[in-house]
């Protein structure tokens, strides 16, 4: 191997490491954003008085007030965004919910509505 091929391989190797680092950082940021959205949903459920205000109907409000202390989990990765409103699908016990979130500041979210399936 001559010197130019070694230098070329070093440059390509450095670029590859830079791309891999960028992908890893993007994955960490994505996971952090999802955790912040779940935290906002959990905080909305802890406020029992506020549940009736953000629930879409009475059936949803009754279910959430009975089971507010359960853990939220996701089954699928359905997140959609329309007009700055994020729809995040989460489950509580055996029921599925759509949490409608609005971005407040840099990484803070506020739940504006909850709809049960």
Protein backbone atom coordinates (compact mmCIF):
# COMPACT_ATOMS: atom_id res chain seq x y z
CA UNK A 1 0.00 0.00 0.00
CA UNK A 2 1.25 3.42 -0.80
CA UNK A 3 0.83 6.58 1.24
CA UNK A 4 -2.08 8.02 -0.76
CA UNK A 5 -4.25 4.95 -0.26
CA UNK A 6 -3.53 4.99 3.49
CA UNK A 7 -4.46 8.67 3.74
CA UNK A 8 -7.60 8.07 1.66
CA UNK A 9 -8.65 5.21 3.95
CA UNK A 10 -8.05 7.41 7.02
CA UNK A 11 -10.27 10.15 5.55
CA UNK A 12 -13.05 7.69 4.64
CA UNK A 13 -12.77 6.01 8.04
CA UNK A 14 -13.05 9.38 9.77
CA UNK A 15 -16.12 10.27 7.72
CA UNK A 16 -17.69 6.91 8.54
CA UNK A 17 -17.06 7.45 12.26
CA UNK A 18 -18.57 10.93 11.99
CA UNK A 19 -21.71 9.57 10.29
CA UNK A 20 -22.09 6.79 12.88
CA UNK A 21 -21.68 9.32 15.71
CA UNK A 22 -24.35 11.54 14.13
CA UNK A 23 -26.77 8.62 13.88
CA UNK A 24 -26.19 7.65 17.52
CA UNK A 25 -26.73 11.24 18.69
CA UNK A 26 -29.96 11.47 16.64
CA UNK A 27 -31.23 8.24 18.25
CA UNK A 28 -30.48 9.54 21.75
CA UNK A 29 -32.26 12.82 21.04
CA UNK A 30 -35.27 10.94 19.61
CA UNK A 31 -35.48 8.73 22.72
CA UNK A 32 -35.18 11.78 24.99
CA UNK A 33 -38.02 13.55 23.18
CA UNK A 34 -40.25 10.48 23.48
CA UNK A 35 -39.50 10.25 27.21
CA UNK A 36 -40.43 13.93 27.65
CA UNK A 37 -43.73 13.34 25.84
CA UNK A 38 -44.55 10.33 28.05
CA UNK A 39 -43.61 12.38 31.14
CA UNK A 40 -46.03 15.12 30.05
CA UNK A 41 -48.78 12.51 29.65
CA UNK A 42 -48.06 11.03 33.11
CA UNK A 43 -48.10 14.49 34.67
CA UNK A 44 -51.48 15.19 33.06
CA UNK A 45 -52.89 11.99 34.57
CA UNK A 46 -51.61 12.85 38.06
CA UNK A 47 -53.82 15.94 38.15
CA UNK A 48 -57.21 14.33 38.88
CA UNK A 49 -59.05 17.66 38.71
CA UNK A 50 -57.58 18.46 35.32
CA UNK A 51 -58.49 15.10 33.80
CA UNK A 52 -62.11 16.07 33.33
CA UNK A 53 -61.06 19.26 31.53
CA UNK A 54 -58.78 17.58 28.99
CA UNK A 55 -60.77 14.36 28.44
CA UNK A 56 -62.68 14.20 25.18
CA UNK A 57 -65.82 12.69 26.71
CA UNK A 58 -67.25 11.52 30.04
CA UNK A 59 -66.37 7.87 29.48
CA UNK A 60 -62.71 8.78 29.01
CA UNK A 61 -62.72 11.03 32.07
CA UNK A 62 -64.31 8.33 34.26
CA UNK A 63 -61.83 5.68 33.15
CA UNK A 64 -58.83 7.96 33.68
CA UNK A 65 -59.99 9.06 37.14
CA UNK A 66 -60.36 5.42 38.20
CA UNK A 67 -57.04 4.25 36.73
CA UNK A 68 -54.84 7.34 36.80
CA UNK A 69 -52.10 5.63 38.83
CA UNK A 70 -51.48 2.88 36.24
CA UNK A 71 -48.41 2.91 34.05
CA UNK A 72 -48.52 4.22 30.52
CA UNK A 73 -46.91 2.13 27.82
CA UNK A 74 -46.74 2.13 24.05
CA UNK A 75 -47.67 -0.71 21.78
CA UNK A 76 -46.74 0.84 18.48
CA UNK A 77 -44.84 3.89 17.37
CA UNK A 78 -47.79 5.89 16.05
CA UNK A 79 -47.00 9.56 16.36
CA UNK A 80 -48.55 12.02 13.96
CA UNK A 81 -48.32 15.78 13.75
CA UNK A 82 -50.87 18.12 12.25
CA UNK A 83 -50.96 21.92 12.72
CA UNK A 84 -48.47 21.84 15.64
CA UNK A 85 -50.60 19.27 17.50
CA UNK A 86 -48.89 15.96 18.15
CA UNK A 87 -51.04 12.84 18.47
CA UNK A 88 -49.31 10.20 20.57
CA UNK A 89 -50.89 6.78 21.06
CA UNK A 90 -50.39 5.24 24.52
CA UNK A 91 -52.07 2.51 26.53
CA UNK A 92 -53.18 2.53 30.15
CA UNK A 93 -54.01 -0.88 31.58
CA UNK A 94 -56.04 -2.50 28.76
CA UNK A 95 -57.33 0.60 26.95
CA UNK A 96 -55.74 2.66 24.18
CA UNK A 97 -55.67 6.44 24.25
CA UNK A 98 -54.75 9.25 21.91
CA UNK A 99 -52.91 11.98 23.77
CA UNK A 100 -52.91 15.28 21.92
CA UNK A 101 -49.83 17.28 22.84
CA UNK A 102 -48.73 20.80 22.07
CA UNK A 103 -45.08 21.80 22.22
CA UNK A 104 -44.50 24.49 24.84
CA UNK A 105 -40.82 25.36 24.80
CA UNK A 106 -37.70 23.58 23.62
CA UNK A 107 -38.48 20.10 24.98
CA UNK A 108 -41.60 20.68 27.07
CA UNK A 109 -45.01 19.41 26.04
CA UNK A 110 -48.52 20.05 27.30
CA UNK A 111 -51.42 17.62 26.99
CA UNK A 112 -54.42 19.44 25.53
CA UNK A 113 -56.80 16.49 25.02
CA UNK A 114 -57.13 12.77 25.67
CA UNK A 115 -59.40 10.47 23.68
CA UNK A 116 -60.11 6.83 24.48
CA UNK A 117 -60.76 4.14 21.86
